[in-house]
Amino acid sequence: MDGVPESHNGWTFLTNHARVLAAIADNQSARVRDIAARCRLTERAVQKIIADLEQAGYLSHIRQGRGNTYQIDPGKVLRHPTEAGQGLTVASLLSLLIHDEAHRAALSGEPTRASG
């Protein structure tokens, strides 16, 4: 996959659940294989994360032929008590991530899905 960073050791600011959700927001018909490659996770880990997100109501899917089309609930409040207490939603998280992706692409001169 083009533009996928190398794997990273140590801690990071985003959870794998946030990474998978952002990957799905970028391409709602992405295959588990593609999400796994983008997030540097195993397909099994991505399947588990998708199941977690669906069970909690953050995500749903519709079967489309041999694949799935995912639907994110943008109004769903984030799970951590700090964010939930402030009413922060999935939409606010994704807009921050999309804004960051667009900003990085602008600096490098690369187009993004969000910007065209």
PDB file of N, CA and C in Angstrom:
ATOM      1  N   MET A   1       0.839  -1.189   0.000  1.00  0.00           N
ATOM      2  CA  MET A   1       0.000   0.000   0.000  1.00  0.00           C
ATOM      3  C   MET A   1       0.874   1.240   0.000  1.00  0.00           C
ATOM      4  N   ASP A   2       0.565   2.221  -0.808  1.00  0.00           N
ATOM      5  CA  ASP A   2       1.334   3.447  -0.869  1.00  0.00           C
ATOM      6  C   ASP A   2       1.047   4.295   0.351  1.00  0.00           C
ATOM      7  N   GLY A   3       2.085   4.971   0.842  1.00  0.00           N
ATOM      8  CA  GLY A   3       1.909   5.919   1.922  1.00  0.00           C
ATOM      9  C   GLY A   3       1.696   5.312   3.296  1.00  0.00           C
ATOM     10  N   VAL A   4       1.848   4.008   3.432  1.00  0.00           N
ATOM     11  CA  VAL A   4       1.663   3.372   4.728  1.00  0.00           C
ATOM     12  C   VAL A   4       2.985   3.450   5.475  1.00  0.00           C
ATOM     13  N   PRO A   5       2.976   4.037   6.687  1.00  0.00           N
ATOM     14  CA  PRO A   5       4.227   4.155   7.419  1.00  0.00           C
ATOM     15  C   PRO A   5       4.729   2.796   7.893  1.00  0.00           C
ATOM     16  N   GLU A   6       6.019   2.731   8.160  1.00  0.00           N
ATOM     17  CA  GLU A   6       6.608   1.516   8.702  1.00  0.00           C
ATOM     18  C   GLU A   6       6.036   1.256  10.085  1.00  0.00           C
ATOM     19  N   SER A   7       6.153   0.009  10.538  1.00  0.00           N
ATOM     20  CA  SER A   7       5.651  -0.330  11.857  1.00  0.00           C
ATOM     21  C   SER A   7       6.429   0.442  12.918  1.00  0.00           C
ATOM     22  N   HIS A   8       5.821   0.599  14.086  1.00  0.00           N
ATOM     23  CA  HIS A   8       6.366   1.426  15.137  1.00  0.00           C
ATOM     24  C   HIS A   8       6.411   0.634  16.432  1.00  0.00           C
ATOM     25  N   ASN A   9       7.495   0.732  17.156  1.00  0.00           N
ATOM     26  CA  ASN A   9       7.601   0.103  18.467  1.00  0.00           C
ATOM     27  C   ASN A   9       7.376   1.153  19.548  1.00  0.00           C
ATOM     28  N   GLY A  10       6.811   0.740  20.659  1.00  0.00           N
ATOM     29  CA  GLY A  10       6.547   1.668  21.753  1.00  0.00           C
ATOM     30  C   GLY A  10       5.102   2.109  21.764  1.00  0.00           C
ATOM     31  N   TRP A  11       4.796   3.039  22.610  1.00  0.00           N
ATOM     32  CA  TRP A  11       3.411   3.486  22.759  1.00  0.00           C
ATOM     33  C   TRP A  11       3.075   4.526  21.706  1.00  0.00           C
ATOM     34  N   THR A  12       1.780   4.680  21.469  1.00  0.00           N
ATOM     35  CA  THR A  12       1.281   5.675  20.521  1.00  0.00           C
ATOM     36  C   THR A  12       0.069   6.372  21.130  1.00  0.00           C
ATOM     37  N   PHE A  13      -0.373   7.449  20.513  1.00  0.00           N
ATOM     38  CA  PHE A  13      -1.489   8.220  21.038  1.00  0.00           C
ATOM     39  C   PHE A  13      -2.848   7.641  20.676  1.00  0.00           C
ATOM     40  N   LEU A  14      -2.932   6.899  19.591  1.00  0.00           N
ATOM     41  CA  LEU A  14      -4.217   6.367  19.150  1.00  0.00           C
ATOM     42  C   LEU A  14      -4.289   4.871  19.404  1.00  0.00           C
ATOM     43  N   THR A  15      -5.459   4.402  19.775  1.00  0.00           N
ATOM     44  CA  THR A  15      -5.666   2.966  19.944  1.00  0.00           C
ATOM     45  C   THR A  15      -5.867   2.321  18.573  1.00  0.00           C
ATOM     46  N   ASN A  16      -5.748   1.014  18.528  1.00  0.00           N
ATOM     47  CA  ASN A  16      -6.015   0.294  17.288  1.00  0.00           C
ATOM     48  C   ASN A  16      -7.472   0.454  16.884  1.00  0.00           C
ATOM     49  N   HIS A  17      -8.375   0.579  17.852  1.00  0.00           N
ATOM     50  CA  HIS A  17      -9.789   0.791  17.536  1.00  0.00           C
ATOM     51  C   HIS A  17      -9.973   2.127  16.798  1.00  0.00           C
ATOM     52  N   ALA A  18      -9.278   3.163  17.234  1.00  0.00           N
ATOM     53  CA  ALA A  18      -9.364   4.463  16.559  1.00  0.00           C
ATOM     54  C   ALA A  18      -8.776   4.377  15.156  1.00  0.00           C
ATOM     55  N   ARG A  19      -7.678   3.658  15.007  1.00  0.00           N
ATOM     56  CA  ARG A  19      -7.061   3.509  13.687  1.00  0.00           C
ATOM     57  C   ARG A  19      -7.992   2.791  12.706  1.00  0.00           C
ATOM     58  N   VAL A  20      -8.610   1.712  13.175  1.00  0.00           N
ATOM     59  CA  VAL A  20      -9.530   0.954  12.317  1.00  0.00           C
ATOM     60  C   VAL A  20     -10.729   1.822  11.957  1.00  0.00           C
ATOM     61  N   LEU A  21     -11.273   2.542  12.919  1.00  0.00           N
ATOM     62  CA  LEU A  21     -12.416   3.414  12.653  1.00  0.00           C
ATOM     63  C   LEU A  21     -12.048   4.488  11.630  1.00  0.00           C
ATOM     64  N   ALA A  22     -10.861   5.068  11.755  1.00  0.00           N
ATOM     65  CA  ALA A  22     -10.411   6.085  10.797  1.00  0.00           C
ATOM     66  C   ALA A  22     -10.217   5.483   9.411  1.00  0.00           C
ATOM     67  N   ALA A  23      -9.691   4.268   9.341  1.00  0.00           N
ATOM     68  CA  ALA A  23      -9.510   3.609   8.044  1.00  0.00           C
ATOM     69  C   ALA A  23     -10.857   3.356   7.382  1.00  0.00           C
ATOM     70  N   ILE A  24     -11.842   2.959   8.169  1.00  0.00           N
ATOM     71  CA  ILE A  24     -13.179   2.725   7.627  1.00  0.00           C
ATOM     72  C   ILE A  24     -13.822   4.040   7.207  1.00  0.00           C
ATOM     73  N   ALA A  25     -13.601   5.100   7.973  1.00  0.00           N
ATOM     74  CA  ALA A  25     -14.140   6.411   7.601  1.00  0.00           C
ATOM     75  C   ALA A  25     -13.560   6.855   6.262  1.00  0.00           C
ATOM     76  N   ASP A  26     -12.324   6.516   6.006  1.00  0.00           N
ATOM     77  CA  ASP A  26     -11.670   6.874   4.756  1.00  0.00           C
ATOM     78  C   ASP A  26     -12.194   6.063   3.576  1.00  0.00           C
ATOM     79  N   ASN A  27     -12.581   4.804   3.838  1.00  0.00           N
ATOM     80  CA  ASN A  27     -13.090   3.935   2.771  1.00  0.00           C
ATOM     81  C   ASN A  27     -14.090   2.953   3.381  1.00  0.00           C
ATOM     82  N   GLN A  28     -15.366   3.271   3.277  1.00  0.00           N
ATOM     83  CA  GLN A  28     -16.404   2.483   3.941  1.00  0.00           C
ATOM     84  C   GLN A  28     -16.615   1.107   3.319  1.00  0.00           C
ATOM     85  N   SER A  29     -16.017   0.858   2.187  1.00  0.00           N
ATOM     86  CA  SER A  29     -16.131  -0.474   1.596  1.00  0.00           C
ATOM     87  C   SER A  29     -14.781  -1.196   1.577  1.00  0.00           C
ATOM     88  N   ALA A  30     -13.860  -0.743   2.407  1.00  0.00           N
ATOM     89  CA  ALA A  30     -12.534  -1.363   2.479  1.00  0.00           C
ATOM     90  C   ALA A  30     -12.646  -2.806   2.950  1.00  0.00           C
ATOM     91  N   ARG A  31     -11.795  -3.647   2.399  1.00  0.00           N
ATOM     92  CA  ARG A  31     -11.739  -5.041   2.843  1.00  0.00           C
ATOM     93  C   ARG A  31     -10.937  -5.118   4.141  1.00  0.00           C
ATOM     94  N   VAL A  32     -11.228  -6.130   4.948  1.00  0.00           N
ATOM     95  CA  VAL A  32     -10.495  -6.344   6.198  1.00  0.00           C
ATOM     96  C   VAL A  32      -8.999  -6.413   5.908  1.00  0.00           C
ATOM     97  N   ARG A  33      -8.635  -7.070   4.836  1.00  0.00           N
ATOM     98  CA  ARG A  33      -7.229  -7.186   4.438  1.00  0.00           C
ATOM     99  C   ARG A  33      -6.587  -5.815   4.251  1.00  0.00           C
ATOM    100  N   ASP A  34      -7.302  -4.902   3.593  1.00  0.00           N
ATOM    101  CA  ASP A  34      -6.763  -3.566   3.340  1.00  0.00           C
ATOM    102  C   ASP A  34      -6.677  -2.743   4.628  1.00  0.00           C
ATOM    103  N   ILE A  35      -7.691  -2.876   5.478  1.00  0.00           N
ATOM    104  CA  ILE A  35      -7.668  -2.174   6.763  1.00  0.00           C
ATOM    105  C   ILE A  35      -6.493  -2.675   7.597  1.00  0.00           C
ATOM    106  N   ALA A  36      -6.299  -3.983   7.621  1.00  0.00           N
ATOM    107  CA  ALA A  36      -5.200  -4.577   8.381  1.00  0.00           C
ATOM    108  C   ALA A  36      -3.847  -4.051   7.887  1.00  0.00           C
ATOM    109  N   ALA A  37      -3.669  -3.995   6.584  1.00  0.00           N
ATOM    110  CA  ALA A  37      -2.407  -3.503   6.024  1.00  0.00           C
ATOM    111  C   ALA A  37      -2.194  -2.036   6.383  1.00  0.00           C
ATOM    112  N   ARG A  38      -3.222  -1.241   6.260  1.00  0.00           N
ATOM    113  CA  ARG A  38      -3.116   0.188   6.558  1.00  0.00           C
ATOM    114  C   ARG A  38      -2.798   0.433   8.029  1.00  0.00           C
ATOM    115  N   CYS A  39      -3.417  -0.354   8.907  1.00  0.00           N
ATOM    116  CA  CYS A  39      -3.251  -0.160  10.353  1.00  0.00           C
ATOM    117  C   CYS A  39      -2.100  -0.959  10.940  1.00  0.00           C
ATOM    118  N   ARG A  40      -1.449  -1.764  10.096  1.00  0.00           N
ATOM    119  CA  ARG A  40      -0.352  -2.625  10.550  1.00  0.00           C
ATOM    120  C   ARG A  40      -0.814  -3.587  11.640  1.00  0.00           C
ATOM    121  N   LEU A  41      -1.953  -4.233  11.372  1.00  0.00           N
ATOM    122  CA  LEU A  41      -2.541  -5.212  12.278  1.00  0.00           C
ATOM    123  C   LEU A  41      -2.795  -6.495  11.502  1.00  0.00           C
ATOM    124  N   THR A  42      -3.061  -7.573  12.211  1.00  0.00           N
ATOM    125  CA  THR A  42      -3.454  -8.800  11.539  1.00  0.00           C
ATOM    126  C   THR A  42      -4.920  -8.696  11.133  1.00  0.00           C
ATOM    127  N   GLU A  43      -5.316  -9.486  10.157  1.00  0.00           N
ATOM    128  CA  GLU A  43      -6.721  -9.503   9.750  1.00  0.00           C
ATOM    129  C   GLU A  43      -7.605  -9.948  10.907  1.00  0.00           C
ATOM    130  N   ARG A  44      -7.130 -10.915  11.676  1.00  0.00           N
ATOM    131  CA  ARG A  44      -7.896 -11.397  12.825  1.00  0.00           C
ATOM    132  C   ARG A  44      -8.115 -10.282  13.843  1.00  0.00           C
ATOM    133  N   ALA A  45      -7.077  -9.469  14.095  1.00  0.00           N
ATOM    134  CA  ALA A  45      -7.206  -8.346  15.034  1.00  0.00           C
ATOM    135  C   ALA A  45      -8.233  -7.335  14.527  1.00  0.00           C
ATOM    136  N   VAL A  46      -8.200  -7.051  13.219  1.00  0.00           N
ATOM    137  CA  VAL A  46      -9.160  -6.106  12.636  1.00  0.00           C
ATOM    138  C   VAL A  46     -10.578  -6.656  12.742  1.00  0.00           C
ATOM    139  N   GLN A  47     -10.755  -7.948  12.477  1.00  0.00           N
ATOM    140  CA  GLN A  47     -12.088  -8.555  12.614  1.00  0.00           C
ATOM    141  C   GLN A  47     -12.608  -8.409  14.045  1.00  0.00           C
ATOM    142  N   LYS A  48     -11.745  -8.614  15.027  1.00  0.00           N
ATOM    143  CA  LYS A  48     -12.127  -8.487  16.430  1.00  0.00           C
ATOM    144  C   LYS A  48     -12.494  -7.042  16.759  1.00  0.00           C
ATOM    145  N   ILE A  49     -11.705  -6.097  16.268  1.00  0.00           N
ATOM    146  CA  ILE A  49     -11.977  -4.678  16.517  1.00  0.00           C
ATOM    147  C   ILE A  49     -13.288  -4.271  15.870  1.00  0.00           C
ATOM    148  N   ILE A  50     -13.532  -4.710  14.646  1.00  0.00           N
ATOM    149  CA  ILE A  50     -14.798  -4.399  13.973  1.00  0.00           C
ATOM    150  C   ILE A  50     -15.962  -4.978  14.774  1.00  0.00           C
ATOM    151  N   ALA A  51     -15.817  -6.197  15.273  1.00  0.00           N
ATOM    152  CA  ALA A  51     -16.866  -6.804  16.107  1.00  0.00           C
ATOM    153  C   ALA A  51     -17.093  -5.978  17.372  1.00  0.00           C
ATOM    154  N   ASP A  52     -16.015  -5.520  18.012  1.00  0.00           N
ATOM    155  CA  ASP A  52     -16.137  -4.668  19.199  1.00  0.00           C
ATOM    156  C   ASP A  52     -16.904  -3.390  18.870  1.00  0.00           C
ATOM    157  N   LEU A  53     -16.522  -2.739  17.768  1.00  0.00           N
ATOM    158  CA  LEU A  53     -17.151  -1.477  17.374  1.00  0.00           C
ATOM    159  C   LEU A  53     -18.624  -1.674  17.035  1.00  0.00           C
ATOM    160  N   GLU A  54     -18.943  -2.796  16.381  1.00  0.00           N
ATOM    161  CA  GLU A  54     -20.343  -3.082  16.056  1.00  0.00           C
ATOM    162  C   GLU A  54     -21.146  -3.378  17.316  1.00  0.00           C
ATOM    163  N   GLN A  55     -20.576  -4.168  18.214  1.00  0.00           N
ATOM    164  CA  GLN A  55     -21.288  -4.524  19.445  1.00  0.00           C
ATOM    165  C   GLN A  55     -21.583  -3.283  20.284  1.00  0.00           C
ATOM    166  N   ALA A  56     -20.681  -2.315  20.275  1.00  0.00           N
ATOM    167  CA  ALA A  56     -20.863  -1.093  21.051  1.00  0.00           C
ATOM    168  C   ALA A  56     -21.709  -0.048  20.318  1.00  0.00           C
ATOM    169  N   GLY A  57     -22.086  -0.323  19.068  1.00  0.00           N
ATOM    170  CA  GLY A  57     -22.953   0.588  18.329  1.00  0.00           C
ATOM    171  C   GLY A  57     -22.248   1.699  17.574  1.00  0.00           C
ATOM    172  N   TYR A  58     -20.936   1.642  17.484  1.00  0.00           N
ATOM    173  CA  TYR A  58     -20.194   2.665  16.755  1.00  0.00           C
ATOM    174  C   TYR A  58     -20.175   2.403  15.257  1.00  0.00           C
ATOM    175  N   LEU A  59     -20.450   1.170  14.878  1.00  0.00           N
ATOM    176  CA  LEU A  59     -20.293   0.740  13.498  1.00  0.00           C
ATOM    177  C   LEU A  59     -21.345  -0.308  13.178  1.00  0.00           C
ATOM    178  N   SER A  60     -21.800  -0.299  11.929  1.00  0.00           N
ATOM    179  CA  SER A  60     -22.664  -1.376  11.430  1.00  0.00           C
ATOM    180  C   SER A  60     -22.210  -1.670  10.005  1.00  0.00           C
ATOM    181  N   HIS A  61     -22.696  -2.777   9.464  1.00  0.00           N
ATOM    182  CA  HIS A  61     -22.315  -3.094   8.093  1.00  0.00           C
ATOM    183  C   HIS A  61     -23.489  -3.689   7.337  1.00  0.00           C
ATOM    184  N   ILE A  62     -23.399  -3.529   6.029  1.00  0.00           N
ATOM    185  CA  ILE A  62     -24.360  -4.117   5.104  1.00  0.00           C
ATOM    186  C   ILE A  62     -23.544  -4.969   4.141  1.00  0.00           C
ATOM    187  N   ARG A  63     -23.995  -6.178   3.931  1.00  0.00           N
ATOM    188  CA  ARG A  63     -23.315  -7.073   2.995  1.00  0.00           C
ATOM    189  C   ARG A  63     -23.593  -6.589   1.578  1.00  0.00           C
ATOM    190  N   GLN A  64     -22.546  -6.381   0.793  1.00  0.00           N
ATOM    191  CA  GLN A  64     -22.642  -5.935  -0.596  1.00  0.00           C
ATOM    192  C   GLN A  64     -21.868  -6.933  -1.453  1.00  0.00           C
ATOM    193  N   GLY A  65     -22.577  -7.904  -2.025  1.00  0.00           N
ATOM    194  CA  GLY A  65     -21.899  -8.939  -2.810  1.00  0.00           C
ATOM    195  C   GLY A  65     -20.998  -9.764  -1.916  1.00  0.00           C
ATOM    196  N   ARG A  66     -19.714  -9.782  -2.243  1.00  0.00           N
ATOM    197  CA  ARG A  66     -18.751 -10.544  -1.444  1.00  0.00           C
ATOM    198  C   ARG A  66     -18.097  -9.698  -0.358  1.00  0.00           C
ATOM    199  N   GLY A  67     -18.416  -8.413  -0.298  1.00  0.00           N
ATOM    200  CA  GLY A  67     -17.801  -7.523   0.681  1.00  0.00           C
ATOM    201  C   GLY A  67     -18.818  -6.859   1.580  1.00  0.00           C
ATOM    202  N   ASN A  68     -18.350  -5.960   2.389  1.00  0.00           N
ATOM    203  CA  ASN A  68     -19.200  -5.205   3.313  1.00  0.00           C
ATOM    204  C   ASN A  68     -19.060  -3.719   3.045  1.00  0.00           C
ATOM    205  N   THR A  69     -20.131  -2.994   3.297  1.00  0.00           N
ATOM    206  CA  THR A  69     -20.084  -1.547   3.347  1.00  0.00           C
ATOM    207  C   THR A  69     -20.399  -1.172   4.785  1.00  0.00           C
ATOM    208  N   TYR A  70     -19.485  -0.418   5.394  1.00  0.00           N
ATOM    209  CA  TYR A  70     -19.618  -0.061   6.803  1.00  0.00           C
ATOM    210  C   TYR A  70     -20.277   1.304   6.954  1.00  0.00           C
ATOM    211  N   GLN A  71     -21.008   1.455   8.034  1.00  0.00           N
ATOM    212  CA  GLN A  71     -21.647   2.726   8.367  1.00  0.00           C
ATOM    213  C   GLN A  71     -21.233   3.090   9.786  1.00  0.00           C
ATOM    214  N   ILE A  72     -20.637   4.245   9.952  1.00  0.00           N
ATOM    215  CA  ILE A  72     -20.205   4.731  11.262  1.00  0.00           C
ATOM    216  C   ILE A  72     -21.301   5.617  11.829  1.00  0.00           C
ATOM    217  N   ASP A  73     -21.565   5.493  13.130  1.00  0.00           N
ATOM    218  CA  ASP A  73     -22.508   6.382  13.810  1.00  0.00           C
ATOM    219  C   ASP A  73     -21.728   7.595  14.312  1.00  0.00           C
ATOM    220  N   PRO A  74     -21.761   8.710  13.566  1.00  0.00           N
ATOM    221  CA  PRO A  74     -20.936   9.867  13.920  1.00  0.00           C
ATOM    222  C   PRO A  74     -21.361  10.549  15.221  1.00  0.00           C
ATOM    223  N   GLY A  75     -22.596  10.355  15.646  1.00  0.00           N
ATOM    224  CA  GLY A  75     -23.094  11.004  16.850  1.00  0.00           C
ATOM    225  C   GLY A  75     -22.832  10.233  18.130  1.00  0.00           C
ATOM    226  N   LYS A  76     -22.290   9.049  17.997  1.00  0.00           N
ATOM    227  CA  LYS A  76     -22.018   8.213  19.172  1.00  0.00           C
ATOM    228  C   LYS A  76     -20.922   8.864  20.015  1.00  0.00           C
ATOM    229  N   VAL A  77     -21.160   8.959  21.317  1.00  0.00           N
ATOM    230  CA  VAL A  77     -20.208   9.584  22.237  1.00  0.00           C
ATOM    231  C   VAL A  77     -19.052   8.615  22.499  1.00  0.00           C
ATOM    232  N   LEU A  78     -17.847   9.170  22.604  1.00  0.00           N
ATOM    233  CA  LEU A  78     -16.662   8.358  22.862  1.00  0.00           C
ATOM    234  C   LEU A  78     -16.764   7.673  24.220  1.00  0.00           C
ATOM    235  N   ARG A  79     -16.086   6.555  24.375  1.00  0.00           N
ATOM    236  CA  ARG A  79     -16.253   5.678  25.535  1.00  0.00           C
ATOM    237  C   ARG A  79     -15.577   6.149  26.815  1.00  0.00           C
ATOM    238  N   HIS A  80     -14.416   6.762  26.732  1.00  0.00           N
ATOM    239  CA  HIS A  80     -13.690   7.121  27.944  1.00  0.00           C
ATOM    240  C   HIS A  80     -14.500   8.143  28.743  1.00  0.00           C
ATOM    241  N   PRO A  81     -14.582   7.995  30.061  1.00  0.00           N
ATOM    242  CA  PRO A  81     -15.400   8.911  30.867  1.00  0.00           C
ATOM    243  C   PRO A  81     -15.046  10.387  30.676  1.00  0.00           C
ATOM    244  N   THR A  82     -13.786  10.701  30.443  1.00  0.00           N
ATOM    245  CA  THR A  82     -13.400  12.097  30.241  1.00  0.00           C
ATOM    246  C   THR A  82     -14.047  12.670  28.990  1.00  0.00           C
ATOM    247  N   GLU A  83     -13.936  11.928  27.865  1.00  0.00           N
ATOM    248  CA  GLU A  83     -14.531  12.405  26.614  1.00  0.00           C
ATOM    249  C   GLU A  83     -16.055  12.316  26.656  1.00  0.00           C
ATOM    250  N   ALA A  84     -16.559  11.234  27.234  1.00  0.00           N
ATOM    251  CA  ALA A  84     -18.016  11.061  27.319  1.00  0.00           C
ATOM    252  C   ALA A  84     -18.629  12.187  28.138  1.00  0.00           C
ATOM    253  N   GLY A  85     -17.964  12.576  29.238  1.00  0.00           N
ATOM    254  CA  GLY A  85     -18.468  13.662  30.086  1.00  0.00           C
ATOM    255  C   GLY A  85     -18.525  14.992  29.372  1.00  0.00           C
ATOM    256  N   GLN A  86     -17.690  15.154  28.362  1.00  0.00           N
ATOM    257  CA  GLN A  86     -17.672  16.392  27.572  1.00  0.00           C
ATOM    258  C   GLN A  86     -18.554  16.282  26.331  1.00  0.00           C
ATOM    259  N   GLY A  87     -19.139  15.104  26.119  1.00  0.00           N
ATOM    260  CA  GLY A  87     -19.997  14.907  24.960  1.00  0.00           C
ATOM    261  C   GLY A  87     -19.247  14.798  23.644  1.00  0.00           C
ATOM    262  N   LEU A  88     -17.967  14.448  23.689  1.00  0.00           N
ATOM    263  CA  LEU A  88     -17.195  14.315  22.455  1.00  0.00           C
ATOM    264  C   LEU A  88     -17.658  13.088  21.681  1.00  0.00           C
ATOM    265  N   THR A  89     -17.842  13.257  20.393  1.00  0.00           N
ATOM    266  CA  THR A  89     -18.412  12.211  19.543  1.00  0.00           C
ATOM    267  C   THR A  89     -17.377  11.623  18.588  1.00  0.00           C
ATOM    268  N   VAL A  90     -17.779  10.544  17.952  1.00  0.00           N
ATOM    269  CA  VAL A  90     -16.967   9.921  16.915  1.00  0.00           C
ATOM    270  C   VAL A  90     -16.679  10.943  15.818  1.00  0.00           C
ATOM    271  N   ALA A  91     -17.661  11.753  15.461  1.00  0.00           N
ATOM    272  CA  ALA A  91     -17.466  12.762  14.417  1.00  0.00           C
ATOM    273  C   ALA A  91     -16.350  13.728  14.788  1.00  0.00           C
ATOM    274  N   SER A  92     -16.269  14.129  16.053  1.00  0.00           N
ATOM    275  CA  SER A  92     -15.215  15.057  16.468  1.00  0.00           C
ATOM    276  C   SER A  92     -13.843  14.395  16.373  1.00  0.00           C
ATOM    277  N   LEU A  93     -13.753  13.135  16.749  1.00  0.00           N
ATOM    278  CA  LEU A  93     -12.494  12.407  16.632  1.00  0.00           C
ATOM    279  C   LEU A  93     -12.087  12.268  15.171  1.00  0.00           C
ATOM    280  N   LEU A  94     -13.019  11.841  14.331  1.00  0.00           N
ATOM    281  CA  LEU A  94     -12.704  11.634  12.917  1.00  0.00           C
ATOM    282  C   LEU A  94     -12.368  12.948  12.218  1.00  0.00           C
ATOM    283  N   SER A  95     -13.037  14.041  12.580  1.00  0.00           N
ATOM    284  CA  SER A  95     -12.722  15.315  11.934  1.00  0.00           C
ATOM    285  C   SER A  95     -11.313  15.761  12.294  1.00  0.00           C
ATOM    286  N   LEU A  96     -10.885  15.482  13.514  1.00  0.00           N
ATOM    287  CA  LEU A  96      -9.517  15.801  13.918  1.00  0.00           C
ATOM    288  C   LEU A  96      -8.528  14.972  13.106  1.00  0.00           C
ATOM    289  N   LEU A  97      -8.792  13.680  12.959  1.00  0.00           N
ATOM    290  CA  LEU A  97      -7.896  12.806  12.213  1.00  0.00           C
ATOM    291  C   LEU A  97      -7.880  13.155  10.735  1.00  0.00           C
ATOM    292  N   ILE A  98      -9.025  13.464  10.167  1.00  0.00           N
ATOM    293  CA  ILE A  98      -9.105  13.827   8.747  1.00  0.00           C
ATOM    294  C   ILE A  98      -8.404  15.156   8.510  1.00  0.00           C
ATOM    295  N   HIS A  99      -8.589  16.114   9.435  1.00  0.00           N
ATOM    296  CA  HIS A  99      -7.925  17.408   9.312  1.00  0.00           C
ATOM    297  C   HIS A  99      -6.413  17.210   9.325  1.00  0.00           C
ATOM    298  N   ASP A 100      -5.916  16.363  10.224  1.00  0.00           N
ATOM    299  CA  ASP A 100      -4.483  16.103  10.318  1.00  0.00           C
ATOM    300  C   ASP A 100      -3.972  15.460   9.032  1.00  0.00           C
ATOM    301  N   GLU A 101      -4.713  14.490   8.490  1.00  0.00           N
ATOM    302  CA  GLU A 101      -4.314  13.826   7.249  1.00  0.00           C
ATOM    303  C   GLU A 101      -4.261  14.822   6.102  1.00  0.00           C
ATOM    304  N   ALA A 102      -5.254  15.707   6.004  1.00  0.00           N
ATOM    305  CA  ALA A 102      -5.284  16.704   4.944  1.00  0.00           C
ATOM    306  C   ALA A 102      -4.114  17.685   5.096  1.00  0.00           C
ATOM    307  N   HIS A 103      -3.808  18.053   6.331  1.00  0.00           N
ATOM    308  CA  HIS A 103      -2.705  18.978   6.583  1.00  0.00           C
ATOM    309  C   HIS A 103      -1.372  18.349   6.172  1.00  0.00           C
ATOM    310  N   ARG A 104      -1.136  17.086   6.552  1.00  0.00           N
ATOM    311  CA  ARG A 104       0.103  16.406   6.190  1.00  0.00           C
ATOM    312  C   ARG A 104       0.217  16.265   4.675  1.00  0.00           C
ATOM    313  N   ALA A 105      -0.884  15.952   4.014  1.00  0.00           N
ATOM    314  CA  ALA A 105      -0.862  15.802   2.562  1.00  0.00           C
ATOM    315  C   ALA A 105      -0.569  17.138   1.881  1.00  0.00           C
ATOM    316  N   ALA A 106      -1.124  18.220   2.422  1.00  0.00           N
ATOM    317  CA  ALA A 106      -0.879  19.536   1.849  1.00  0.00           C
ATOM    318  C   ALA A 106       0.605  19.894   1.940  1.00  0.00           C
ATOM    319  N   LEU A 107       1.222  19.538   3.049  1.00  0.00           N
ATOM    320  CA  LEU A 107       2.646  19.804   3.218  1.00  0.00           C
ATOM    321  C   LEU A 107       3.492  18.994   2.244  1.00  0.00           C
ATOM    322  N   SER A 108       3.043  17.772   1.938  1.00  0.00           N
ATOM    323  CA  SER A 108       3.813  16.905   1.044  1.00  0.00           C
ATOM    324  C   SER A 108       3.375  17.032  -0.413  1.00  0.00           C
ATOM    325  N   GLY A 109       2.269  17.732  -0.668  1.00  0.00           N
ATOM    326  CA  GLY A 109       1.771  17.887  -2.024  1.00  0.00           C
ATOM    327  C   GLY A 109       0.967  16.719  -2.537  1.00  0.00           C
ATOM    328  N   GLU A 110       0.582  15.769  -1.635  1.00  0.00           N
ATOM    329  CA  GLU A 110      -0.190  14.601  -2.035  1.00  0.00           C
ATOM    330  C   GLU A 110      -1.689  14.852  -1.850  1.00  0.00           C
ATOM    331  N   PRO A 111      -2.528  14.377  -2.778  1.00  0.00           N
ATOM    332  CA  PRO A 111      -3.984  14.492  -2.589  1.00  0.00           C
ATOM    333  C   PRO A 111      -4.454  13.497  -1.544  1.00  0.00           C
ATOM    334  N   THR A 112      -5.563  13.798  -0.873  1.00  0.00           N
ATOM    335  CA  THR A 112      -6.183  12.871   0.074  1.00  0.00           C
ATOM    336  C   THR A 112      -7.595  12.612  -0.360  1.00  0.00           C
ATOM    337  N   ARG A 113      -8.175  11.573   0.197  1.00  0.00           N
ATOM    338  CA  ARG A 113      -9.562  11.249  -0.069  1.00  0.00           C
ATOM    339  C   ARG A 113     -10.468  12.389   0.419  1.00  0.00           C
ATOM    340  N   ALA A 114     -10.086  13.009   1.538  1.00  0.00           N
ATOM    341  CA  ALA A 114     -10.888  14.082   2.121  1.00  0.00           C
ATOM    342  C   ALA A 114     -10.805  15.351   1.285  1.00  0.00           C
ATOM    343  N   SER A 115      -9.674  15.571   0.598  1.00  0.00           N
ATOM    344  CA  SER A 115      -9.518  16.808  -0.153  1.00  0.00           C
ATOM    345  C   SER A 115      -9.647  16.636  -1.651  1.00  0.00           C
ATOM    346  N   GLY A 116      -9.785  15.410  -2.123  1.00  0.00           N
ATOM    347  CA  GLY A 116      -9.985  15.218  -3.534  1.00  0.00           C
ATOM    348  C   GLY A 116      -9.001  14.367  -4.117  1.00  0.00           C
TER     349      GLY A 116
END
